[in-house]
Amino acid sequence: MPENPSKNICETRIFEGVYKAHSKDLHNFLYYKYGSQINPEDKTQEAFVKLWDSCKTVTLAKAKSFLFTVANNLVLNDIKHQKVVLNYQKKPQKSYTNETPEFLLEQTQFMEKYKKALQNLSEEQRVAFLLNKVEGKKHAEIAEQLGVTKKVVEYRIYTAFGKLKEALENFNIK
C-alpha cells in the first residue's frame, strides 16, 4: 500500500493494491450478510467498477468505506427491485382489450377473407407479393431470389394487389 492516504486511487498500481486488500473481505461481508442468492462475486466486482469510476474523488483512506457502502447499497437496491417484481407478479394481469366485440369479429372475418384471397392468387403472384409486403424485400432482391427480372416481379406484385383489392373491400397496403 502507498504511504500517502490522501492520494487518489486512479493509478493502476494503487488500485490493484486496494483490490487485493479489500476484495476478499468485501465478498465475505456480502456473503455473510445476504447469502449466496445475491451473487456476492458480482456485487463485489460492481463495487470495484464504481470505485474505479470515482477514483478521482475517492482517496485511499476512504476507499474501503466507499466499497462497503456501495456494495451494500447495490444489494439493497437489488432486493428492493425483487420486491417490486414480486408485487407486480401478484397482481392479476389485464385479461381484456379495449376492442369491441364487433371489431374483433370484423377483424377475424377480414383475416379469413384475406387468407382466402391469398389462396386464389397464383403461386408466383402470392410469393412475390408476400416477399415484398410481409418480409419487406425490394423488387430487385425478389427478382434475384426467384431468378426473374425486376419487371416480372413488379408485374406479379401489381396483379396480386389488384386481385386482392377486388376480393376485399377497403383493402389498402402501404
N, C-alpha and C. Protein backbone atom coordinates (compact mmCIF):
# COMPACT_ATOMS: atom_id res chain seq x y z
N MET A 1 0.84 -1.19 0.00
CA MET A 1 0.00 0.00 0.00
C MET A 1 0.88 1.25 0.00
N PRO A 2 0.50 2.26 -0.76
CA PRO A 2 1.26 3.51 -0.77
C PRO A 2 1.17 4.20 0.59
N GLU A 3 2.13 5.05 0.82
CA GLU A 3 2.23 5.69 2.12
C GLU A 3 1.33 6.90 2.28
N ASN A 4 0.82 7.49 1.22
CA ASN A 4 0.02 8.71 1.32
C ASN A 4 -1.47 8.39 1.23
N PRO A 5 -2.22 8.39 2.36
CA PRO A 5 -3.63 8.02 2.34
C PRO A 5 -4.54 9.08 1.71
N SER A 6 -4.05 10.28 1.48
CA SER A 6 -4.89 11.31 0.86
C SER A 6 -4.78 11.29 -0.66
N LYS A 7 -3.95 10.44 -1.19
CA LYS A 7 -3.75 10.32 -2.63
C LYS A 7 -4.94 9.60 -3.26
N ASN A 8 -5.36 10.06 -4.46
CA ASN A 8 -6.47 9.35 -5.12
C ASN A 8 -5.96 8.04 -5.69
N ILE A 9 -6.88 7.18 -6.05
CA ILE A 9 -6.52 5.80 -6.39
C ILE A 9 -6.61 5.51 -7.88
N CYS A 10 -6.48 6.52 -8.71
CA CYS A 10 -6.58 6.31 -10.15
C CYS A 10 -5.36 5.62 -10.74
N GLU A 11 -4.30 5.59 -10.03
CA GLU A 11 -3.10 4.92 -10.50
C GLU A 11 -3.33 3.41 -10.42
N THR A 12 -2.99 2.70 -11.47
CA THR A 12 -3.27 1.27 -11.57
C THR A 12 -2.66 0.48 -10.42
N ARG A 13 -1.44 0.80 -10.07
CA ARG A 13 -0.74 0.07 -9.02
C ARG A 13 -1.46 0.25 -7.68
N ILE A 14 -1.91 1.45 -7.39
CA ILE A 14 -2.61 1.72 -6.13
C ILE A 14 -3.97 1.01 -6.13
N PHE A 15 -4.68 1.09 -7.27
CA PHE A 15 -5.99 0.44 -7.35
C PHE A 15 -5.87 -1.08 -7.17
N GLU A 16 -4.85 -1.68 -7.78
CA GLU A 16 -4.62 -3.11 -7.61
C GLU A 16 -4.38 -3.46 -6.15
N GLY A 17 -3.65 -2.60 -5.47
CA GLY A 17 -3.40 -2.82 -4.04
C GLY A 17 -4.69 -2.78 -3.24
N VAL A 18 -5.57 -1.83 -3.57
CA VAL A 18 -6.86 -1.73 -2.89
C VAL A 18 -7.68 -2.98 -3.17
N TYR A 19 -7.64 -3.43 -4.42
CA TYR A 19 -8.40 -4.63 -4.78
C TYR A 19 -7.90 -5.84 -3.99
N LYS A 20 -6.59 -6.01 -3.96
CA LYS A 20 -6.03 -7.16 -3.25
C LYS A 20 -6.32 -7.10 -1.75
N ALA A 21 -6.32 -5.90 -1.22
CA ALA A 21 -6.52 -5.74 0.22
C ALA A 21 -7.97 -5.92 0.64
N HIS A 22 -8.94 -5.56 -0.22
CA HIS A 22 -10.33 -5.50 0.24
C HIS A 22 -11.32 -6.40 -0.49
N SER A 23 -10.95 -6.99 -1.61
CA SER A 23 -11.94 -7.75 -2.38
C SER A 23 -12.46 -8.98 -1.62
N LYS A 24 -11.56 -9.70 -0.97
CA LYS A 24 -11.99 -10.90 -0.24
C LYS A 24 -12.88 -10.52 0.95
N ASP A 25 -12.48 -9.49 1.68
CA ASP A 25 -13.28 -9.04 2.83
C ASP A 25 -14.65 -8.55 2.38
N LEU A 26 -14.70 -7.82 1.28
CA LEU A 26 -15.98 -7.33 0.77
C LEU A 26 -16.88 -8.48 0.34
N HIS A 27 -16.30 -9.43 -0.36
CA HIS A 27 -17.07 -10.61 -0.77
C HIS A 27 -17.63 -11.34 0.44
N ASN A 28 -16.79 -11.58 1.44
CA ASN A 28 -17.23 -12.29 2.63
C ASN A 28 -18.30 -11.51 3.38
N PHE A 29 -18.16 -10.20 3.47
CA PHE A 29 -19.17 -9.35 4.12
C PHE A 29 -20.52 -9.53 3.44
N LEU A 30 -20.55 -9.45 2.11
CA LEU A 30 -21.81 -9.60 1.38
C LEU A 30 -22.38 -11.01 1.52
N TYR A 31 -21.51 -12.00 1.47
CA TYR A 31 -21.96 -13.38 1.58
C TYR A 31 -22.57 -13.65 2.96
N TYR A 32 -21.89 -13.21 4.01
CA TYR A 32 -22.38 -13.47 5.36
C TYR A 32 -23.64 -12.67 5.68
N LYS A 33 -23.74 -11.48 5.14
CA LYS A 33 -24.89 -10.62 5.45
C LYS A 33 -26.13 -11.01 4.64
N TYR A 34 -25.95 -11.35 3.35
CA TYR A 34 -27.10 -11.57 2.47
C TYR A 34 -27.21 -12.98 1.90
N GLY A 35 -26.18 -13.76 1.97
CA GLY A 35 -26.22 -15.11 1.43
C GLY A 35 -25.75 -15.15 -0.02
N SER A 36 -25.75 -16.37 -0.57
CA SER A 36 -25.21 -16.55 -1.92
C SER A 36 -26.21 -16.19 -3.02
N GLN A 37 -27.51 -16.08 -2.69
CA GLN A 37 -28.51 -15.81 -3.73
C GLN A 37 -28.36 -14.40 -4.33
N ILE A 38 -27.68 -13.50 -3.66
CA ILE A 38 -27.49 -12.16 -4.23
C ILE A 38 -26.25 -12.09 -5.10
N ASN A 39 -25.53 -13.19 -5.23
CA ASN A 39 -24.32 -13.28 -6.05
C ASN A 39 -23.27 -12.27 -5.58
N PRO A 40 -22.64 -12.54 -4.44
CA PRO A 40 -21.67 -11.59 -3.87
C PRO A 40 -20.46 -11.32 -4.77
N GLU A 41 -20.09 -12.28 -5.64
CA GLU A 41 -18.96 -12.04 -6.54
C GLU A 41 -19.27 -10.88 -7.48
N ASP A 42 -20.48 -10.89 -8.04
CA ASP A 42 -20.87 -9.83 -8.97
C ASP A 42 -20.95 -8.47 -8.27
N LYS A 43 -21.53 -8.47 -7.09
CA LYS A 43 -21.67 -7.20 -6.36
C LYS A 43 -20.30 -6.65 -5.97
N THR A 44 -19.38 -7.53 -5.62
CA THR A 44 -18.02 -7.10 -5.30
C THR A 44 -17.38 -6.45 -6.53
N GLN A 45 -17.52 -7.11 -7.67
CA GLN A 45 -16.95 -6.55 -8.91
C GLN A 45 -17.60 -5.21 -9.26
N GLU A 46 -18.93 -5.13 -9.13
CA GLU A 46 -19.62 -3.87 -9.43
C GLU A 46 -19.13 -2.75 -8.52
N ALA A 47 -18.91 -3.06 -7.25
CA ALA A 47 -18.43 -2.04 -6.32
C ALA A 47 -17.05 -1.54 -6.75
N PHE A 48 -16.18 -2.45 -7.19
CA PHE A 48 -14.86 -2.02 -7.63
C PHE A 48 -14.94 -1.23 -8.94
N VAL A 49 -15.88 -1.56 -9.80
CA VAL A 49 -16.06 -0.77 -11.02
C VAL A 49 -16.49 0.64 -10.65
N LYS A 50 -17.43 0.76 -9.72
CA LYS A 50 -17.86 2.10 -9.29
C LYS A 50 -16.73 2.86 -8.61
N LEU A 51 -15.88 2.14 -7.87
CA LEU A 51 -14.71 2.78 -7.26
C LEU A 51 -13.79 3.32 -8.35
N TRP A 52 -13.56 2.53 -9.39
CA TRP A 52 -12.70 2.97 -10.48
C TRP A 52 -13.30 4.19 -11.18
N ASP A 53 -14.63 4.17 -11.36
CA ASP A 53 -15.29 5.31 -12.00
C ASP A 53 -15.16 6.58 -11.15
N SER A 54 -15.08 6.41 -9.84
CA SER A 54 -14.99 7.56 -8.93
C SER A 54 -13.59 7.73 -8.36
N CYS A 55 -12.59 7.18 -9.00
CA CYS A 55 -11.25 7.16 -8.43
C CYS A 55 -10.67 8.55 -8.20
N LYS A 56 -11.08 9.54 -8.95
CA LYS A 56 -10.53 10.88 -8.78
C LYS A 56 -11.06 11.57 -7.53
N THR A 57 -12.23 11.14 -7.07
CA THR A 57 -12.82 11.79 -5.90
C THR A 57 -12.65 10.98 -4.61
N VAL A 58 -12.30 9.71 -4.73
CA VAL A 58 -12.15 8.86 -3.55
C VAL A 58 -10.66 8.74 -3.21
N THR A 59 -10.34 9.05 -1.98
CA THR A 59 -8.95 8.93 -1.55
C THR A 59 -8.68 7.51 -1.07
N LEU A 60 -7.41 7.21 -0.91
CA LEU A 60 -7.01 5.89 -0.45
C LEU A 60 -7.56 5.59 0.94
N ALA A 61 -7.63 6.60 1.78
CA ALA A 61 -8.13 6.41 3.15
C ALA A 61 -9.62 6.09 3.17
N LYS A 62 -10.35 6.56 2.18
CA LYS A 62 -11.80 6.36 2.15
C LYS A 62 -12.24 5.22 1.23
N ALA A 63 -11.32 4.55 0.58
CA ALA A 63 -11.64 3.53 -0.41
C ALA A 63 -12.42 2.36 0.19
N LYS A 64 -11.98 1.86 1.35
CA LYS A 64 -12.65 0.72 1.96
C LYS A 64 -14.08 1.08 2.34
N SER A 65 -14.26 2.21 2.95
CA SER A 65 -15.61 2.66 3.33
C SER A 65 -16.49 2.82 2.09
N PHE A 66 -15.94 3.41 1.04
CA PHE A 66 -16.67 3.59 -0.21
C PHE A 66 -17.12 2.25 -0.76
N LEU A 67 -16.21 1.28 -0.82
CA LEU A 67 -16.51 -0.04 -1.38
C LEU A 67 -17.63 -0.73 -0.61
N PHE A 68 -17.54 -0.74 0.72
CA PHE A 68 -18.53 -1.44 1.52
C PHE A 68 -19.89 -0.75 1.43
N THR A 69 -19.90 0.57 1.40
CA THR A 69 -21.17 1.30 1.29
C THR A 69 -21.81 1.06 -0.08
N VAL A 70 -21.02 1.16 -1.13
CA VAL A 70 -21.55 0.96 -2.48
C VAL A 70 -22.06 -0.46 -2.65
N ALA A 71 -21.30 -1.44 -2.21
CA ALA A 71 -21.72 -2.84 -2.35
C ALA A 71 -23.00 -3.10 -1.57
N ASN A 72 -23.08 -2.59 -0.36
CA ASN A 72 -24.29 -2.76 0.45
C ASN A 72 -25.49 -2.12 -0.24
N ASN A 73 -25.30 -0.93 -0.79
CA ASN A 73 -26.40 -0.24 -1.49
C ASN A 73 -26.81 -0.99 -2.76
N LEU A 74 -25.85 -1.57 -3.46
CA LEU A 74 -26.18 -2.36 -4.65
C LEU A 74 -27.08 -3.54 -4.28
N VAL A 75 -26.73 -4.21 -3.20
CA VAL A 75 -27.53 -5.36 -2.76
C VAL A 75 -28.92 -4.91 -2.33
N LEU A 76 -28.98 -3.84 -1.55
CA LEU A 76 -30.28 -3.34 -1.09
C LEU A 76 -31.16 -2.91 -2.27
N ASN A 77 -30.56 -2.30 -3.27
CA ASN A 77 -31.33 -1.92 -4.46
C ASN A 77 -31.86 -3.15 -5.19
N ASP A 78 -31.04 -4.20 -5.28
CA ASP A 78 -31.50 -5.44 -5.92
C ASP A 78 -32.66 -6.06 -5.14
N ILE A 79 -32.54 -6.07 -3.84
CA ILE A 79 -33.60 -6.64 -3.01
C ILE A 79 -34.88 -5.84 -3.18
N LYS A 80 -34.75 -4.53 -3.21
CA LYS A 80 -35.92 -3.67 -3.40
C LYS A 80 -36.56 -3.93 -4.77
N HIS A 81 -35.73 -4.11 -5.78
CA HIS A 81 -36.23 -4.39 -7.12
C HIS A 81 -36.95 -5.74 -7.16
N GLN A 82 -36.40 -6.74 -6.48
CA GLN A 82 -37.04 -8.05 -6.44
C GLN A 82 -38.41 -7.98 -5.76
N LYS A 83 -38.53 -7.13 -4.75
CA LYS A 83 -39.83 -6.95 -4.08
C LYS A 83 -40.85 -6.34 -5.04
N VAL A 84 -40.41 -5.36 -5.82
CA VAL A 84 -41.30 -4.74 -6.80
C VAL A 84 -41.76 -5.76 -7.83
N VAL A 85 -40.83 -6.58 -8.30
CA VAL A 85 -41.17 -7.61 -9.28
C VAL A 85 -42.17 -8.60 -8.69
N LEU A 86 -41.93 -9.03 -7.47
CA LEU A 86 -42.85 -9.98 -6.83
C LEU A 86 -44.23 -9.36 -6.63
N ASN A 87 -44.29 -8.10 -6.22
CA ASN A 87 -45.59 -7.44 -6.06
C ASN A 87 -46.32 -7.32 -7.38
N TYR A 88 -45.58 -7.05 -8.44
CA TYR A 88 -46.20 -6.95 -9.76
C TYR A 88 -46.74 -8.30 -10.20
N GLN A 89 -46.00 -9.36 -9.92
CA GLN A 89 -46.44 -10.69 -10.32
C GLN A 89 -47.67 -11.14 -9.53
N LYS A 90 -47.85 -10.63 -8.34
CA LYS A 90 -49.02 -10.99 -7.53
C LYS A 90 -50.30 -10.36 -8.05
N LYS A 91 -50.16 -9.20 -8.69
CA LYS A 91 -51.35 -8.50 -9.19
C LYS A 91 -51.94 -9.28 -10.36
N PRO A 92 -53.26 -9.36 -10.42
CA PRO A 92 -53.87 -10.03 -11.59
C PRO A 92 -53.60 -9.22 -12.85
N GLN A 93 -53.24 -9.92 -13.88
CA GLN A 93 -52.92 -9.26 -15.14
C GLN A 93 -54.19 -8.93 -15.92
N LYS A 94 -54.12 -7.89 -16.69
CA LYS A 94 -55.24 -7.45 -17.51
C LYS A 94 -55.59 -8.53 -18.54
N SER A 95 -56.83 -8.96 -18.50
CA SER A 95 -57.23 -10.02 -19.43
C SER A 95 -58.29 -9.53 -20.41
N TYR A 96 -58.33 -8.25 -20.63
CA TYR A 96 -59.32 -7.70 -21.54
C TYR A 96 -58.64 -6.73 -22.49
N THR A 97 -59.33 -6.40 -23.54
CA THR A 97 -58.80 -5.43 -24.50
C THR A 97 -59.79 -4.29 -24.63
N ASN A 98 -59.36 -3.23 -25.26
CA ASN A 98 -60.25 -2.09 -25.47
C ASN A 98 -61.06 -2.23 -26.76
N GLU A 99 -60.81 -3.30 -27.51
CA GLU A 99 -61.53 -3.50 -28.74
C GLU A 99 -62.94 -4.04 -28.44
N THR A 100 -63.88 -3.57 -29.22
CA THR A 100 -65.25 -4.03 -29.05
C THR A 100 -65.39 -5.42 -29.66
N PRO A 101 -66.38 -6.18 -29.24
CA PRO A 101 -66.59 -7.49 -29.83
C PRO A 101 -66.86 -7.40 -31.34
N GLU A 102 -67.52 -6.31 -31.75
CA GLU A 102 -67.79 -6.14 -33.19
C GLU A 102 -66.48 -5.99 -33.97
N PHE A 103 -65.56 -5.21 -33.41
CA PHE A 103 -64.27 -5.01 -34.07
C PHE A 103 -63.52 -6.33 -34.17
N LEU A 104 -63.50 -7.09 -33.07
CA LEU A 104 -62.80 -8.38 -33.08
C LEU A 104 -63.42 -9.33 -34.10
N LEU A 105 -64.74 -9.32 -34.21
CA LEU A 105 -65.42 -10.17 -35.18
C LEU A 105 -65.08 -9.74 -36.60
N GLU A 106 -65.11 -8.43 -36.85
CA GLU A 106 -64.76 -7.92 -38.18
C GLU A 106 -63.32 -8.27 -38.54
N GLN A 107 -62.43 -8.16 -37.54
CA GLN A 107 -61.03 -8.47 -37.78
C GLN A 107 -60.86 -9.95 -38.16
N THR A 108 -61.53 -10.81 -37.45
CA THR A 108 -61.47 -12.25 -37.74
C THR A 108 -62.03 -12.54 -39.13
N GLN A 109 -63.16 -11.93 -39.44
CA GLN A 109 -63.76 -12.15 -40.76
C GLN A 109 -62.87 -11.63 -41.87
N PHE A 110 -62.26 -10.46 -41.65
CA PHE A 110 -61.37 -9.90 -42.66
C PHE A 110 -60.17 -10.81 -42.88
N MET A 111 -59.60 -11.34 -41.80
CA MET A 111 -58.44 -12.22 -41.94
C MET A 111 -58.80 -13.49 -42.72
N GLU A 112 -59.99 -14.01 -42.50
CA GLU A 112 -60.43 -15.19 -43.24
C GLU A 112 -60.56 -14.87 -44.73
N LYS A 113 -61.16 -13.71 -45.03
CA LYS A 113 -61.29 -13.29 -46.43
C LYS A 113 -59.91 -13.07 -47.06
N TYR A 114 -59.01 -12.48 -46.30
CA TYR A 114 -57.66 -12.19 -46.78
C TYR A 114 -56.92 -13.49 -47.11
N LYS A 115 -57.00 -14.47 -46.21
CA LYS A 115 -56.35 -15.75 -46.45
C LYS A 115 -56.94 -16.43 -47.69
N LYS A 116 -58.25 -16.36 -47.82
CA LYS A 116 -58.91 -16.97 -48.98
C LYS A 116 -58.47 -16.27 -50.27
N ALA A 117 -58.40 -14.93 -50.21
CA ALA A 117 -57.98 -14.17 -51.39
C ALA A 117 -56.53 -14.49 -51.75
N LEU A 118 -55.68 -14.67 -50.73
CA LEU A 118 -54.28 -15.05 -51.00
C LEU A 118 -54.20 -16.42 -51.66
N GLN A 119 -55.06 -17.35 -51.23
CA GLN A 119 -55.07 -18.68 -51.81
C GLN A 119 -55.51 -18.66 -53.27
N ASN A 120 -56.34 -17.68 -53.63
CA ASN A 120 -56.83 -17.57 -55.00
C ASN A 120 -55.80 -16.97 -55.95
N LEU A 121 -54.71 -16.40 -55.42
CA LEU A 121 -53.66 -15.87 -56.27
C LEU A 121 -52.84 -17.02 -56.83
N SER A 122 -52.21 -16.77 -57.96
CA SER A 122 -51.30 -17.80 -58.47
C SER A 122 -50.08 -17.86 -57.54
N GLU A 123 -49.39 -18.97 -57.59
CA GLU A 123 -48.25 -19.14 -56.68
C GLU A 123 -47.20 -18.04 -56.91
N GLU A 124 -46.94 -17.69 -58.17
CA GLU A 124 -45.95 -16.67 -58.47
C GLU A 124 -46.36 -15.32 -57.90
N GLN A 125 -47.66 -14.97 -58.05
CA GLN A 125 -48.15 -13.70 -57.52
C GLN A 125 -48.06 -13.68 -55.99
N ARG A 126 -48.51 -14.78 -55.37
CA ARG A 126 -48.53 -14.85 -53.91
C ARG A 126 -47.11 -14.74 -53.34
N VAL A 127 -46.18 -15.47 -53.93
CA VAL A 127 -44.80 -15.45 -53.44
C VAL A 127 -44.20 -14.06 -53.57
N ALA A 128 -44.34 -13.45 -54.73
CA ALA A 128 -43.79 -12.11 -54.95
C ALA A 128 -44.44 -11.09 -54.01
N PHE A 129 -45.76 -11.17 -53.88
CA PHE A 129 -46.50 -10.23 -53.03
C PHE A 129 -46.07 -10.37 -51.56
N LEU A 130 -46.02 -11.60 -51.05
CA LEU A 130 -45.66 -11.81 -49.65
C LEU A 130 -44.21 -11.46 -49.35
N LEU A 131 -43.31 -11.77 -50.29
CA LEU A 131 -41.91 -11.40 -50.09
C LEU A 131 -41.76 -9.89 -50.00
N ASN A 132 -42.55 -9.18 -50.79
CA ASN A 132 -42.46 -7.72 -50.78
C ASN A 132 -43.17 -7.11 -49.58
N LYS A 133 -44.41 -7.47 -49.36
CA LYS A 133 -45.21 -6.80 -48.34
C LYS A 133 -45.03 -7.35 -46.93
N VAL A 134 -44.78 -8.64 -46.79
CA VAL A 134 -44.63 -9.21 -45.45
C VAL A 134 -43.17 -9.16 -45.01
N GLU A 135 -42.28 -9.62 -45.87
CA GLU A 135 -40.87 -9.66 -45.50
C GLU A 135 -40.14 -8.35 -45.81
N GLY A 136 -40.76 -7.46 -46.55
CA GLY A 136 -40.17 -6.16 -46.82
C GLY A 136 -39.02 -6.16 -47.80
N LYS A 137 -38.94 -7.18 -48.64
CA LYS A 137 -37.84 -7.24 -49.62
C LYS A 137 -38.13 -6.31 -50.79
N LYS A 138 -37.07 -5.80 -51.35
CA LYS A 138 -37.19 -4.91 -52.50
C LYS A 138 -37.37 -5.75 -53.76
N HIS A 139 -37.88 -5.12 -54.79
CA HIS A 139 -38.16 -5.82 -56.05
C HIS A 139 -36.92 -6.50 -56.62
N ALA A 140 -35.79 -5.81 -56.55
CA ALA A 140 -34.55 -6.37 -57.09
C ALA A 140 -34.13 -7.62 -56.32
N GLU A 141 -34.31 -7.60 -54.99
CA GLU A 141 -33.96 -8.76 -54.17
C GLU A 141 -34.85 -9.96 -54.52
N ILE A 142 -36.13 -9.67 -54.70
CA ILE A 142 -37.07 -10.74 -55.03
C ILE A 142 -36.74 -11.32 -56.40
N ALA A 143 -36.44 -10.45 -57.34
CA ALA A 143 -36.09 -10.90 -58.69
C ALA A 143 -34.87 -11.81 -58.66
N GLU A 144 -33.88 -11.42 -57.90
CA GLU A 144 -32.67 -12.23 -57.79
C GLU A 144 -32.97 -13.58 -57.14
N GLN A 145 -33.79 -13.54 -56.09
CA GLN A 145 -34.14 -14.77 -55.37
C GLN A 145 -34.95 -15.74 -56.23
N LEU A 146 -35.87 -15.18 -57.03
CA LEU A 146 -36.75 -16.02 -57.85
C LEU A 146 -36.15 -16.34 -59.22
N GLY A 147 -35.10 -15.64 -59.58
CA GLY A 147 -34.46 -15.90 -60.87
C GLY A 147 -35.24 -15.31 -62.04
N VAL A 148 -35.92 -14.19 -61.83
CA VAL A 148 -36.66 -13.50 -62.90
C VAL A 148 -36.21 -12.04 -62.93
N THR A 149 -36.74 -11.30 -63.89
CA THR A 149 -36.37 -9.89 -63.98
C THR A 149 -37.17 -9.06 -62.98
N LYS A 150 -36.68 -7.87 -62.76
CA LYS A 150 -37.36 -6.95 -61.83
C LYS A 150 -38.74 -6.57 -62.35
N LYS A 151 -38.88 -6.41 -63.64
CA LYS A 151 -40.18 -6.07 -64.25
C LYS A 151 -41.20 -7.18 -64.03
N VAL A 152 -40.76 -8.43 -64.10
CA VAL A 152 -41.67 -9.56 -63.86
C VAL A 152 -42.17 -9.52 -62.42
N VAL A 153 -41.28 -9.24 -61.50
CA VAL A 153 -41.66 -9.16 -60.08
C VAL A 153 -42.66 -8.01 -59.88
N GLU A 154 -42.38 -6.86 -60.45
CA GLU A 154 -43.29 -5.72 -60.33
C GLU A 154 -44.67 -6.07 -60.87
N TYR A 155 -44.72 -6.75 -62.02
CA TYR A 155 -45.98 -7.14 -62.62
C TYR A 155 -46.74 -8.11 -61.70
N ARG A 156 -46.02 -9.07 -61.14
CA ARG A 156 -46.67 -10.05 -60.27
C ARG A 156 -47.25 -9.38 -59.03
N ILE A 157 -46.51 -8.49 -58.45
CA ILE A 157 -46.99 -7.79 -57.25
C ILE A 157 -48.19 -6.90 -57.61
N TYR A 158 -48.08 -6.20 -58.72
CA TYR A 158 -49.17 -5.32 -59.16
C TYR A 158 -50.45 -6.10 -59.42
N THR A 159 -50.35 -7.21 -60.12
CA THR A 159 -51.56 -8.01 -60.40
C THR A 159 -52.10 -8.66 -59.13
N ALA A 160 -51.23 -9.07 -58.23
CA ALA A 160 -51.68 -9.64 -56.96
C ALA A 160 -52.43 -8.59 -56.15
N PHE A 161 -51.89 -7.40 -56.12
CA PHE A 161 -52.53 -6.32 -55.40
C PHE A 161 -53.91 -6.02 -55.99
N GLY A 162 -53.99 -6.00 -57.29
CA GLY A 162 -55.28 -5.76 -57.96
C GLY A 162 -56.31 -6.82 -57.62
N LYS A 163 -55.91 -8.09 -57.63
CA LYS A 163 -56.83 -9.17 -57.30
C LYS A 163 -57.27 -9.11 -55.84
N LEU A 164 -56.35 -8.77 -54.97
CA LEU A 164 -56.70 -8.65 -53.54
C LEU A 164 -57.65 -7.48 -53.31
N LYS A 165 -57.41 -6.40 -54.01
CA LYS A 165 -58.28 -5.23 -53.89
C LYS A 165 -59.69 -5.56 -54.39
N GLU A 166 -59.75 -6.36 -55.43
CA GLU A 166 -61.02 -6.77 -56.00
C GLU A 166 -61.77 -7.70 -55.04
N ALA A 167 -61.05 -8.60 -54.38
CA ALA A 167 -61.68 -9.58 -53.49
C ALA A 167 -62.04 -9.00 -52.13
N LEU A 168 -61.32 -7.98 -51.70
CA LEU A 168 -61.54 -7.41 -50.37
C LEU A 168 -61.91 -5.94 -50.47
N GLU A 169 -62.97 -5.57 -49.77
CA GLU A 169 -63.32 -4.15 -49.75
C GLU A 169 -62.44 -3.45 -48.72
N ASN A 170 -62.13 -2.22 -48.95
CA ASN A 170 -61.26 -1.40 -48.09
C ASN A 170 -59.86 -1.99 -47.94
N PHE A 171 -59.36 -2.69 -48.95
CA PHE A 171 -58.01 -3.26 -48.87
C PHE A 171 -57.02 -2.21 -49.32
N ASN A 172 -56.04 -1.93 -48.44
CA ASN A 172 -55.04 -0.93 -48.77
C ASN A 172 -53.75 -1.29 -48.05
N ILE A 173 -52.68 -1.38 -48.79
CA ILE A 173 -51.37 -1.68 -48.20
C ILE A 173 -50.41 -0.58 -48.62
N LYS A 174 -49.56 -0.19 -47.66
CA LYS A 174 -48.57 0.84 -47.96
C LYS A 174 -47.29 0.19 -48.33
